[in-house]
Amino acid sequence: MGNQDSNFAPTETGPERIDIGADQALQTWAKRLNVSPDQIRDAVEKVGDLASDVELHLKGSRSTTNDDRVEAADVRGTTT
């Protein structure tokens, strides 16, 4: 035990949580996820402070989902 994943920025709430009240943690997460601190704050407000949820929310907002692709194919008149 005591071996923490160096990919996470540990805070008082634990390495898997994002503490938007701690500026250093916020900056570290913003850099790690390649987004702005404001985007981190916004994501935490929407999905909570669990790092995996925030990362999924941010990635999902920048990429298409399978549902998006299926809808686009339906609009074009093709199906998958």
N, C-alpha and C. Protein backbone atom coordinates (compact mmCIF):
# COMPACT_ATOMS: atom_id res chain seq x y z
N MET A 1 0.83 -1.18 0.00
CA MET A 1 0.00 0.00 0.00
C MET A 1 0.87 1.24 0.00
N GLY A 2 0.27 2.40 -0.14
CA GLY A 2 1.05 3.62 -0.18
C GLY A 2 1.58 3.93 -1.56
N ASN A 3 1.39 3.02 -2.50
CA ASN A 3 1.85 3.23 -3.85
C ASN A 3 0.73 3.89 -4.64
N GLN A 4 0.89 5.20 -4.89
CA GLN A 4 -0.15 5.93 -5.61
C GLN A 4 0.20 6.04 -7.07
N ASP A 5 -0.82 6.00 -7.91
CA ASP A 5 -0.64 6.17 -9.35
C ASP A 5 -0.18 7.58 -9.62
N SER A 6 0.96 7.74 -10.27
CA SER A 6 1.52 9.07 -10.50
C SER A 6 0.74 9.86 -11.54
N ASN A 7 -0.24 9.23 -12.21
CA ASN A 7 -1.06 9.95 -13.18
C ASN A 7 -2.12 10.81 -12.52
N PHE A 8 -2.36 10.58 -11.24
CA PHE A 8 -3.40 11.32 -10.54
C PHE A 8 -2.79 12.34 -9.61
N ALA A 9 -3.49 13.43 -9.42
CA ALA A 9 -3.05 14.47 -8.50
C ALA A 9 -3.76 14.24 -7.18
N PRO A 10 -3.08 13.69 -6.18
CA PRO A 10 -3.74 13.41 -4.92
C PRO A 10 -4.17 14.69 -4.21
N THR A 11 -5.33 14.64 -3.62
CA THR A 11 -5.84 15.77 -2.85
C THR A 11 -6.37 15.22 -1.54
N GLU A 12 -6.92 16.09 -0.74
CA GLU A 12 -7.51 15.65 0.52
C GLU A 12 -8.65 14.67 0.28
N THR A 13 -9.31 14.77 -0.86
CA THR A 13 -10.44 13.90 -1.16
C THR A 13 -9.99 12.59 -1.80
N GLY A 14 -8.71 12.42 -2.08
CA GLY A 14 -8.20 11.19 -2.66
C GLY A 14 -7.75 11.40 -4.09
N PRO A 15 -6.92 10.49 -4.60
CA PRO A 15 -6.35 10.66 -5.94
C PRO A 15 -7.37 10.53 -7.07
N GLU A 16 -8.52 9.92 -6.80
CA GLU A 16 -9.49 9.73 -7.86
C GLU A 16 -10.55 10.84 -7.89
N ARG A 17 -10.41 11.81 -7.02
CA ARG A 17 -11.35 12.93 -6.94
C ARG A 17 -10.67 14.22 -7.34
N ILE A 18 -11.44 15.14 -7.92
CA ILE A 18 -10.90 16.44 -8.32
C ILE A 18 -11.45 17.49 -7.37
N ASP A 19 -10.55 18.12 -6.64
CA ASP A 19 -10.92 19.17 -5.69
C ASP A 19 -10.77 20.52 -6.38
N ILE A 20 -11.88 21.06 -6.88
CA ILE A 20 -11.81 22.33 -7.60
C ILE A 20 -11.54 23.51 -6.67
N GLY A 21 -11.57 23.28 -5.36
CA GLY A 21 -11.24 24.32 -4.40
C GLY A 21 -9.73 24.43 -4.15
N ALA A 22 -8.97 23.46 -4.61
CA ALA A 22 -7.51 23.46 -4.45
C ALA A 22 -6.89 23.84 -5.79
N ASP A 23 -6.35 25.04 -5.87
CA ASP A 23 -5.83 25.56 -7.14
C ASP A 23 -4.78 24.66 -7.76
N GLN A 24 -3.87 24.12 -6.95
CA GLN A 24 -2.82 23.26 -7.49
C GLN A 24 -3.42 22.00 -8.11
N ALA A 25 -4.38 21.38 -7.43
CA ALA A 25 -5.03 20.19 -7.97
C ALA A 25 -5.78 20.53 -9.26
N LEU A 26 -6.46 21.66 -9.26
CA LEU A 26 -7.20 22.09 -10.45
C LEU A 26 -6.25 22.28 -11.63
N GLN A 27 -5.13 22.93 -11.40
CA GLN A 27 -4.14 23.14 -12.47
C GLN A 27 -3.57 21.81 -12.96
N THR A 28 -3.30 20.91 -12.04
CA THR A 28 -2.74 19.61 -12.41
C THR A 28 -3.73 18.81 -13.26
N TRP A 29 -4.99 18.80 -12.85
CA TRP A 29 -6.00 18.07 -13.62
C TRP A 29 -6.22 18.71 -14.98
N ALA A 30 -6.22 20.03 -15.03
CA ALA A 30 -6.40 20.72 -16.31
C ALA A 30 -5.29 20.34 -17.27
N LYS A 31 -4.08 20.30 -16.77
CA LYS A 31 -2.94 19.93 -17.61
C LYS A 31 -3.03 18.46 -18.02
N ARG A 32 -3.37 17.60 -17.08
CA ARG A 32 -3.44 16.17 -17.35
C ARG A 32 -4.51 15.86 -18.40
N LEU A 33 -5.65 16.56 -18.33
CA LEU A 33 -6.74 16.30 -19.26
C LEU A 33 -6.72 17.22 -20.48
N ASN A 34 -5.71 18.09 -20.55
CA ASN A 34 -5.52 18.98 -21.69
C ASN A 34 -6.73 19.88 -21.93
N VAL A 35 -7.22 20.47 -20.84
CA VAL A 35 -8.34 21.41 -20.89
C VAL A 35 -8.03 22.58 -19.98
N SER A 36 -8.88 23.58 -20.00
CA SER A 36 -8.68 24.73 -19.12
C SER A 36 -9.24 24.44 -17.73
N PRO A 37 -8.76 25.16 -16.72
CA PRO A 37 -9.34 25.01 -15.38
C PRO A 37 -10.84 25.28 -15.37
N ASP A 38 -11.29 26.23 -16.17
CA ASP A 38 -12.73 26.51 -16.24
C ASP A 38 -13.51 25.31 -16.77
N GLN A 39 -12.94 24.58 -17.73
CA GLN A 39 -13.60 23.39 -18.25
C GLN A 39 -13.67 22.30 -17.16
N ILE A 40 -12.63 22.20 -16.35
CA ILE A 40 -12.64 21.25 -15.24
C ILE A 40 -13.75 21.63 -14.26
N ARG A 41 -13.80 22.90 -13.88
CA ARG A 41 -14.84 23.35 -12.94
C ARG A 41 -16.24 23.05 -13.49
N ASP A 42 -16.45 23.37 -14.75
CA ASP A 42 -17.75 23.15 -15.39
C ASP A 42 -18.11 21.66 -15.38
N ALA A 43 -17.15 20.83 -15.72
CA ALA A 43 -17.39 19.38 -15.76
C ALA A 43 -17.71 18.84 -14.37
N VAL A 44 -16.97 19.30 -13.35
CA VAL A 44 -17.22 18.85 -11.98
C VAL A 44 -18.62 19.26 -11.53
N GLU A 45 -19.03 20.46 -11.91
CA GLU A 45 -20.38 20.92 -11.57
C GLU A 45 -21.45 20.05 -12.24
N LYS A 46 -21.16 19.56 -13.43
CA LYS A 46 -22.15 18.76 -14.18
C LYS A 46 -22.17 17.29 -13.78
N VAL A 47 -20.99 16.69 -13.56
CA VAL A 47 -20.94 15.24 -13.34
C VAL A 47 -20.37 14.82 -12.00
N GLY A 48 -19.95 15.76 -11.18
CA GLY A 48 -19.36 15.42 -9.89
C GLY A 48 -17.85 15.41 -9.96
N ASP A 49 -17.21 15.11 -8.83
CA ASP A 49 -15.76 15.24 -8.74
C ASP A 49 -14.97 13.96 -8.99
N LEU A 50 -15.63 12.89 -9.38
CA LEU A 50 -14.92 11.66 -9.69
C LEU A 50 -14.14 11.84 -11.00
N ALA A 51 -12.83 11.67 -10.92
CA ALA A 51 -11.96 11.97 -12.05
C ALA A 51 -12.35 11.22 -13.32
N SER A 52 -12.72 9.96 -13.20
CA SER A 52 -13.08 9.19 -14.39
C SER A 52 -14.35 9.74 -15.04
N ASP A 53 -15.31 10.20 -14.23
CA ASP A 53 -16.53 10.80 -14.78
C ASP A 53 -16.23 12.11 -15.48
N VAL A 54 -15.36 12.92 -14.87
CA VAL A 54 -14.99 14.20 -15.47
C VAL A 54 -14.27 13.96 -16.80
N GLU A 55 -13.34 13.02 -16.81
CA GLU A 55 -12.60 12.72 -18.03
C GLU A 55 -13.54 12.23 -19.13
N LEU A 56 -14.46 11.34 -18.79
CA LEU A 56 -15.41 10.83 -19.76
C LEU A 56 -16.30 11.96 -20.29
N HIS A 57 -16.75 12.83 -19.40
CA HIS A 57 -17.58 13.97 -19.81
C HIS A 57 -16.82 14.87 -20.79
N LEU A 58 -15.57 15.17 -20.46
CA LEU A 58 -14.78 16.06 -21.32
C LEU A 58 -14.46 15.41 -22.65
N LYS A 59 -14.12 14.15 -22.65
CA LYS A 59 -13.83 13.46 -23.91
C LYS A 59 -15.08 13.30 -24.73
N GLY A 60 -16.19 13.03 -24.08
CA GLY A 60 -17.45 12.88 -24.78
C GLY A 60 -17.89 14.16 -25.45
N SER A 61 -17.53 15.29 -24.87
CA SER A 61 -17.93 16.56 -25.46
C SER A 61 -17.07 16.92 -26.66
N ARG A 62 -15.97 16.18 -26.86
CA ARG A 62 -15.08 16.46 -27.98
C ARG A 62 -15.10 15.39 -29.05
N SER A 63 -15.88 14.36 -28.86
CA SER A 63 -15.89 13.29 -29.85
C SER A 63 -17.32 12.84 -30.10
N THR A 64 -17.50 12.12 -31.19
CA THR A 64 -18.83 11.61 -31.49
C THR A 64 -19.04 10.28 -30.80
N THR A 65 -20.25 9.99 -30.48
CA THR A 65 -20.60 8.70 -29.90
C THR A 65 -21.15 7.80 -31.00
N ASN A 66 -21.31 6.55 -30.69
CA ASN A 66 -21.91 5.64 -31.66
C ASN A 66 -23.31 6.11 -32.02
N ASP A 67 -24.08 6.59 -31.03
CA ASP A 67 -25.42 7.11 -31.30
C ASP A 67 -25.38 8.26 -32.30
N ASP A 68 -24.39 9.16 -32.15
CA ASP A 68 -24.25 10.28 -33.09
C ASP A 68 -24.00 9.76 -34.50
N ARG A 69 -23.15 8.75 -34.63
CA ARG A 69 -22.84 8.21 -35.94
C ARG A 69 -24.05 7.52 -36.56
N VAL A 70 -24.83 6.80 -35.74
CA VAL A 70 -26.02 6.14 -36.24
C VAL A 70 -27.04 7.17 -36.71
N GLU A 71 -27.23 8.23 -35.91
CA GLU A 71 -28.17 9.28 -36.30
C GLU A 71 -27.73 9.96 -37.59
N ALA A 72 -26.44 10.21 -37.74
CA ALA A 72 -25.93 10.84 -38.95
C ALA A 72 -26.16 9.93 -40.16
N ALA A 73 -25.96 8.63 -39.97
CA ALA A 73 -26.19 7.68 -41.06
C ALA A 73 -27.67 7.65 -41.44
N ASP A 74 -28.55 7.72 -40.45
CA ASP A 74 -29.99 7.74 -40.72
C ASP A 74 -30.38 8.97 -41.51
N VAL A 75 -29.80 10.09 -41.20
CA VAL A 75 -30.08 11.34 -41.90
C VAL A 75 -29.64 11.23 -43.36
N ARG A 76 -28.49 10.57 -43.58
CA ARG A 76 -27.99 10.40 -44.95
C ARG A 76 -28.74 9.31 -45.70
N GLY A 77 -29.58 8.57 -44.98
CA GLY A 77 -30.36 7.51 -45.63
C GLY A 77 -29.65 6.17 -45.66
N THR A 78 -28.59 6.03 -44.89
CA THR A 78 -27.90 4.75 -44.82
C THR A 78 -28.02 4.22 -43.40
N THR A 79 -27.87 2.94 -43.25
CA THR A 79 -27.90 2.35 -41.92
C THR A 79 -26.64 1.56 -41.72
N THR A 80 -26.34 1.30 -40.44
CA THR A 80 -25.14 0.53 -40.14
C THR A 80 -25.47 -0.85 -39.70
